[in-house]
Amino acid sequence: MTTATPKQFPALESVTRPAVDTAAAAYYLNRQQQTLRGWACHEDGPLRPIRVNGRLAWPTQKIRELLGVA
């Protein structure tokens, strides 16, 4: 039996991409990925994702603003 190693994410301050995937956004916001998907579905969360070909992309700058590190 092999155990999956948790994915490592760079510090939010060093992220240069305009948006991150759901896994990264959940890591930075300290929430479960399914919570962010719920926010996207119900449009009731503190930030809204961008939908790109059916996938969710979370704006990096909005994550920084929400966490107060903008």
C-alpha atoms as a PDB file:
ATOM      1  CA  MET A   1       0.000   0.000   0.000  1.00  0.00           C
ATOM      2  CA  THR A   2       1.400   3.376  -0.971  1.00  0.00           C
ATOM      3  CA  THR A   3       0.507   6.591   0.751  1.00  0.00           C
ATOM      4  CA  ALA A   4       0.028   9.714  -1.278  1.00  0.00           C
ATOM      5  CA  THR A   5       2.265  12.571  -0.287  1.00  0.00           C
ATOM      6  CA  PRO A   6       0.455  15.876   0.190  1.00  0.00           C
ATOM      7  CA  LYS A   7       0.945  18.359  -2.624  1.00  0.00           C
ATOM      8  CA  GLN A   8       3.279  21.196  -1.718  1.00  0.00           C
ATOM      9  CA  PHE A   9       2.244  24.730  -2.630  1.00  0.00           C
ATOM     10  CA  PRO A  10       4.533  27.778  -2.852  1.00  0.00           C
ATOM     11  CA  ALA A  11       3.996  30.689  -0.492  1.00  0.00           C
ATOM     12  CA  LEU A  12       1.093  32.850  -1.629  1.00  0.00           C
ATOM     13  CA  GLU A  13       3.386  35.876  -1.836  1.00  0.00           C
ATOM     14  CA  SER A  14       5.511  34.135  -4.475  1.00  0.00           C
ATOM     15  CA  VAL A  15       2.608  33.045  -6.719  1.00  0.00           C
ATOM     16  CA  THR A  16       2.745  35.038  -9.971  1.00  0.00           C
ATOM     17  CA  ARG A  17      -0.108  33.378 -11.857  1.00  0.00           C
ATOM     18  CA  PRO A  18      -3.298  35.452 -12.099  1.00  0.00           C
ATOM     19  CA  ALA A  19      -5.391  32.519 -10.829  1.00  0.00           C
ATOM     20  CA  VAL A  20      -4.854  29.203  -9.044  1.00  0.00           C
ATOM     21  CA  ASP A  21      -6.746  25.920  -9.150  1.00  0.00           C
ATOM     22  CA  THR A  22      -9.204  24.803  -6.492  1.00  0.00           C
ATOM     23  CA  ALA A  23      -6.657  22.673  -4.620  1.00  0.00           C
ATOM     24  CA  ALA A  24      -4.250  25.601  -4.230  1.00  0.00           C
ATOM     25  CA  ALA A  25      -7.008  28.058  -3.290  1.00  0.00           C
ATOM     26  CA  ALA A  26      -8.311  25.647  -0.648  1.00  0.00           C
ATOM     27  CA  TYR A  27      -4.800  25.292   0.777  1.00  0.00           C
ATOM     28  CA  TYR A  28      -4.243  29.059   0.985  1.00  0.00           C
ATOM     29  CA  LEU A  29      -7.699  29.681   2.491  1.00  0.00           C
ATOM     30  CA  ASN A  30      -7.443  26.713   4.889  1.00  0.00           C
ATOM     31  CA  ARG A  31     -10.709  25.226   3.619  1.00  0.00           C
ATOM     32  CA  GLN A  32     -11.682  21.934   2.003  1.00  0.00           C
ATOM     33  CA  GLN A  33     -11.827  21.899  -1.785  1.00  0.00           C
ATOM     34  CA  GLN A  34     -15.488  20.916  -1.593  1.00  0.00           C
ATOM     35  CA  THR A  35     -16.223  24.101   0.382  1.00  0.00           C
ATOM     36  CA  LEU A  36     -14.838  26.206  -2.450  1.00  0.00           C
ATOM     37  CA  ARG A  37     -16.828  24.216  -4.986  1.00  0.00           C
ATOM     38  CA  GLY A  38     -19.936  24.922  -2.910  1.00  0.00           C
ATOM     39  CA  TRP A  39     -19.138  28.646  -2.949  1.00  0.00           C
ATOM     40  CA  ALA A  40     -18.835  28.474  -6.732  1.00  0.00           C
ATOM     41  CA  CYS A  41     -22.070  26.519  -7.161  1.00  0.00           C
ATOM     42  CA  HIS A  42     -24.207  28.610  -4.812  1.00  0.00           C
ATOM     43  CA  GLU A  43     -22.364  31.880  -5.522  1.00  0.00           C
ATOM     44  CA  ASP A  44     -22.424  32.708  -1.815  1.00  0.00           C
ATOM     45  CA  GLY A  45     -18.778  32.603  -0.775  1.00  0.00           C
ATOM     46  CA  PRO A  46     -16.395  35.446   0.025  1.00  0.00           C
ATOM     47  CA  LEU A  47     -14.885  35.210  -3.464  1.00  0.00           C
ATOM     48  CA  ARG A  48     -16.007  34.018  -6.870  1.00  0.00           C
ATOM     49  CA  PRO A  49     -14.019  31.845  -9.250  1.00  0.00           C
ATOM     50  CA  ILE A  50     -13.476  32.308 -12.948  1.00  0.00           C
ATOM     51  CA  ARG A  51     -14.812  29.426 -15.006  1.00  0.00           C
ATOM     52  CA  VAL A  52     -12.440  28.313 -17.760  1.00  0.00           C
ATOM     53  CA  ASN A  53     -13.679  25.459 -19.951  1.00  0.00           C
ATOM     54  CA  GLY A  54     -15.721  24.047 -17.084  1.00  0.00           C
ATOM     55  CA  ARG A  55     -12.905  24.320 -14.544  1.00  0.00           C
ATOM     56  CA  LEU A  56     -12.651  26.730 -11.652  1.00  0.00           C
ATOM     57  CA  ALA A  57      -9.802  29.220 -11.395  1.00  0.00           C
ATOM     58  CA  TRP A  58      -9.564  31.350  -8.263  1.00  0.00           C
ATOM     59  CA  PRO A  59      -8.080  34.878  -8.677  1.00  0.00           C
ATOM     60  CA  THR A  60      -4.813  35.088  -6.783  1.00  0.00           C
ATOM     61  CA  GLN A  61      -5.213  38.789  -6.000  1.00  0.00           C
ATOM     62  CA  LYS A  62      -8.665  38.241  -4.494  1.00  0.00           C
ATOM     63  CA  ILE A  63      -7.268  35.467  -2.271  1.00  0.00           C
ATOM     64  CA  ARG A  64      -4.535  37.840  -1.089  1.00  0.00           C
ATOM     65  CA  GLU A  65      -7.096  40.576  -0.371  1.00  0.00           C
ATOM     66  CA  LEU A  66      -9.320  38.162   1.540  1.00  0.00           C
ATOM     67  CA  LEU A  67      -6.368  37.066   3.696  1.00  0.00           C
ATOM     68  CA  GLY A  68      -5.130  40.622   4.170  1.00  0.00           C
ATOM     69  CA  VAL A  69      -1.758  40.084   2.482  1.00  0.00           C
ATOM     70  CA  ALA A  70      -2.449  42.181  -0.625  1.00  0.00           C
END
